[in-house]
Amino acid sequence: MNVFSSLQRIDVFLDEKYNKPEKHKAEKLISKGFHQAIIIQDFPIRERMVYLDVRCRRWISKVQAK
């Protein structure tokens, strides 16, 4: 998590942890980076706009990769 703030806005960058999805625990998965970030505008904090930049991991099955 990274946070950047200025006088007018706060940007919070959130990346999904390296935890395999529960329903695919039995499969062999490879993390191949992240999907495009989704930007969510949240409620203001002390009169500053808040933006959450969320990135989800892209998982690929080893069987499909071959």
N, C-alpha and C. Protein backbone atom coordinates (compact mmCIF):
# COMPACT_ATOMS: atom_id res chain seq x y z
N MET A 1 0.85 -1.17 0.00
CA MET A 1 0.00 0.00 0.00
C MET A 1 0.89 1.23 0.00
N ASN A 2 0.59 2.14 -0.90
CA ASN A 2 1.28 3.43 -0.95
C ASN A 2 0.24 4.53 -0.84
N VAL A 3 0.62 5.62 -0.18
CA VAL A 3 -0.28 6.75 -0.02
C VAL A 3 0.47 8.01 -0.42
N PHE A 4 -0.16 8.78 -1.31
CA PHE A 4 0.38 10.07 -1.71
C PHE A 4 -0.68 11.13 -1.41
N SER A 5 -0.26 12.20 -0.80
CA SER A 5 -1.24 13.24 -0.48
C SER A 5 -0.72 14.61 -0.90
N SER A 6 -1.66 15.46 -1.25
CA SER A 6 -1.36 16.85 -1.57
C SER A 6 -2.37 17.71 -0.82
N LEU A 7 -2.38 18.98 -1.10
CA LEU A 7 -3.31 19.87 -0.39
C LEU A 7 -4.77 19.61 -0.77
N GLN A 8 -5.01 19.04 -1.98
CA GLN A 8 -6.37 18.87 -2.45
C GLN A 8 -6.84 17.43 -2.52
N ARG A 9 -5.93 16.46 -2.54
CA ARG A 9 -6.37 15.07 -2.70
C ARG A 9 -5.42 14.08 -2.02
N ILE A 10 -5.97 12.89 -1.74
CA ILE A 10 -5.21 11.77 -1.18
C ILE A 10 -5.40 10.59 -2.12
N ASP A 11 -4.30 10.00 -2.56
CA ASP A 11 -4.34 8.81 -3.41
C ASP A 11 -3.79 7.62 -2.64
N VAL A 12 -4.60 6.56 -2.57
CA VAL A 12 -4.19 5.33 -1.88
C VAL A 12 -4.11 4.23 -2.94
N PHE A 13 -2.94 3.59 -3.06
CA PHE A 13 -2.71 2.55 -4.05
C PHE A 13 -2.71 1.20 -3.34
N LEU A 14 -3.64 0.32 -3.74
CA LEU A 14 -3.82 -0.98 -3.10
C LEU A 14 -3.60 -2.09 -4.13
N ASP A 15 -2.69 -3.02 -3.83
CA ASP A 15 -2.44 -4.18 -4.68
C ASP A 15 -2.88 -5.44 -3.94
N GLU A 16 -3.51 -6.36 -4.68
CA GLU A 16 -3.93 -7.63 -4.08
C GLU A 16 -2.71 -8.42 -3.64
N LYS A 17 -2.79 -9.05 -2.48
CA LYS A 17 -1.69 -9.86 -1.97
C LYS A 17 -1.48 -11.10 -2.84
N TYR A 18 -0.34 -11.74 -2.66
CA TYR A 18 0.01 -12.93 -3.43
C TYR A 18 -0.60 -14.17 -2.76
N ASN A 19 -1.92 -14.21 -2.67
CA ASN A 19 -2.64 -15.36 -2.11
C ASN A 19 -3.50 -15.94 -3.22
N LYS A 20 -3.36 -17.23 -3.46
CA LYS A 20 -4.16 -17.88 -4.50
C LYS A 20 -5.62 -17.87 -4.11
N PRO A 21 -6.52 -17.76 -5.11
CA PRO A 21 -7.96 -17.80 -4.82
C PRO A 21 -8.36 -19.13 -4.17
N GLU A 22 -9.26 -19.09 -3.21
CA GLU A 22 -9.68 -20.29 -2.47
C GLU A 22 -10.21 -21.40 -3.37
N LYS A 23 -11.02 -21.04 -4.37
CA LYS A 23 -11.63 -22.08 -5.20
C LYS A 23 -10.64 -22.73 -6.16
N HIS A 24 -9.42 -22.20 -6.27
CA HIS A 24 -8.41 -22.76 -7.17
C HIS A 24 -7.16 -23.22 -6.42
N LYS A 25 -7.29 -23.53 -5.14
CA LYS A 25 -6.13 -23.93 -4.33
C LYS A 25 -5.46 -25.20 -4.85
N ALA A 26 -6.25 -26.14 -5.42
CA ALA A 26 -5.70 -27.41 -5.89
C ALA A 26 -4.91 -27.25 -7.19
N GLU A 27 -5.20 -26.23 -7.97
CA GLU A 27 -4.51 -26.00 -9.25
C GLU A 27 -3.16 -25.33 -9.03
N LYS A 28 -2.28 -25.52 -10.01
CA LYS A 28 -1.00 -24.82 -9.99
C LYS A 28 -1.17 -23.53 -10.77
N LEU A 29 -1.09 -22.41 -10.06
CA LEU A 29 -1.32 -21.11 -10.66
C LEU A 29 -0.04 -20.28 -10.67
N ILE A 30 0.07 -19.40 -11.67
CA ILE A 30 1.20 -18.48 -11.78
C ILE A 30 0.62 -17.07 -11.79
N SER A 31 1.22 -16.18 -11.01
CA SER A 31 0.81 -14.78 -11.03
C SER A 31 1.51 -14.08 -12.18
N LYS A 32 0.73 -13.48 -13.06
CA LYS A 32 1.29 -12.79 -14.23
C LYS A 32 0.95 -11.30 -14.19
N GLY A 33 1.38 -10.64 -13.15
CA GLY A 33 1.15 -9.20 -13.06
C GLY A 33 -0.23 -8.85 -12.54
N PHE A 34 -0.72 -7.69 -12.96
CA PHE A 34 -1.98 -7.17 -12.45
C PHE A 34 -2.90 -6.77 -13.61
N HIS A 35 -4.20 -6.78 -13.33
CA HIS A 35 -5.18 -6.22 -14.26
C HIS A 35 -5.06 -4.71 -14.18
N GLN A 36 -5.71 -4.00 -15.10
CA GLN A 36 -5.70 -2.55 -15.07
C GLN A 36 -6.34 -2.05 -13.77
N ALA A 37 -5.78 -1.00 -13.22
CA ALA A 37 -6.26 -0.46 -11.94
C ALA A 37 -7.68 0.10 -12.07
N ILE A 38 -8.45 -0.08 -11.01
CA ILE A 38 -9.78 0.50 -10.90
C ILE A 38 -9.67 1.65 -9.91
N ILE A 39 -10.16 2.82 -10.29
CA ILE A 39 -10.07 3.99 -9.42
C ILE A 39 -11.44 4.26 -8.82
N ILE A 40 -11.48 4.29 -7.49
CA ILE A 40 -12.72 4.51 -6.75
C ILE A 40 -12.60 5.84 -6.00
N GLN A 41 -13.58 6.70 -6.19
CA GLN A 41 -13.60 7.96 -5.45
C GLN A 41 -14.35 7.72 -4.15
N ASP A 42 -13.69 7.98 -3.03
CA ASP A 42 -14.25 7.73 -1.72
C ASP A 42 -14.68 9.05 -1.08
N PHE A 43 -15.21 8.96 0.14
CA PHE A 43 -15.64 10.15 0.85
C PHE A 43 -14.44 11.02 1.21
N PRO A 44 -14.60 12.34 1.20
CA PRO A 44 -13.49 13.24 1.54
C PRO A 44 -13.02 13.05 2.98
N ILE A 45 -11.74 13.26 3.18
CA ILE A 45 -11.14 13.25 4.52
C ILE A 45 -10.56 14.64 4.75
N ARG A 46 -11.06 15.31 5.74
CA ARG A 46 -10.62 16.67 6.08
C ARG A 46 -10.56 17.57 4.85
N GLU A 47 -11.66 17.57 4.12
CA GLU A 47 -11.87 18.41 2.94
C GLU A 47 -10.92 18.11 1.79
N ARG A 48 -10.34 16.92 1.75
CA ARG A 48 -9.51 16.48 0.62
C ARG A 48 -10.20 15.32 -0.08
N MET A 49 -10.20 15.32 -1.40
CA MET A 49 -10.77 14.22 -2.17
C MET A 49 -9.90 12.97 -1.96
N VAL A 50 -10.54 11.80 -1.88
CA VAL A 50 -9.82 10.55 -1.67
C VAL A 50 -10.07 9.63 -2.86
N TYR A 51 -9.00 9.09 -3.41
CA TYR A 51 -9.08 8.16 -4.53
C TYR A 51 -8.35 6.87 -4.17
N LEU A 52 -9.04 5.74 -4.38
CA LEU A 52 -8.45 4.43 -4.13
C LEU A 52 -8.13 3.79 -5.48
N ASP A 53 -6.86 3.47 -5.70
CA ASP A 53 -6.43 2.79 -6.92
C ASP A 53 -6.22 1.33 -6.57
N VAL A 54 -7.11 0.45 -7.06
CA VAL A 54 -7.10 -0.95 -6.67
C VAL A 54 -6.67 -1.80 -7.86
N ARG A 55 -5.68 -2.69 -7.65
CA ARG A 55 -5.23 -3.61 -8.69
C ARG A 55 -5.37 -5.05 -8.21
N CYS A 56 -6.02 -5.88 -9.03
CA CYS A 56 -6.18 -7.31 -8.74
C CYS A 56 -5.15 -8.10 -9.53
N ARG A 57 -4.67 -9.18 -8.94
CA ARG A 57 -3.68 -10.02 -9.62
C ARG A 57 -4.31 -10.77 -10.79
N ARG A 58 -3.48 -11.04 -11.79
CA ARG A 58 -3.88 -11.85 -12.93
C ARG A 58 -3.25 -13.25 -12.72
N TRP A 59 -4.10 -14.25 -12.57
CA TRP A 59 -3.65 -15.62 -12.33
C TRP A 59 -3.81 -16.45 -13.60
N ILE A 60 -2.80 -17.26 -13.93
CA ILE A 60 -2.86 -18.15 -15.09
C ILE A 60 -2.52 -19.55 -14.61
N SER A 61 -3.29 -20.53 -15.08
CA SER A 61 -3.04 -21.93 -14.75
C SER A 61 -1.81 -22.42 -15.50
N LYS A 62 -0.95 -23.18 -14.83
CA LYS A 62 0.24 -23.72 -15.49
C LYS A 62 -0.14 -24.63 -16.66
N VAL A 63 -1.28 -25.31 -16.55
CA VAL A 63 -1.73 -26.19 -17.63
C VAL A 63 -2.06 -25.38 -18.87
N GLN A 64 -2.71 -24.22 -18.72
CA GLN A 64 -3.07 -23.38 -19.85
C GLN A 64 -1.86 -22.67 -20.43
N ALA A 65 -0.83 -22.41 -19.61
CA ALA A 65 0.35 -21.67 -20.05
C ALA A 65 1.19 -22.47 -21.05
N LYS A 66 1.08 -23.79 -21.03
CA LYS A 66 1.92 -24.62 -21.91
C LYS A 66 1.39 -24.71 -23.30
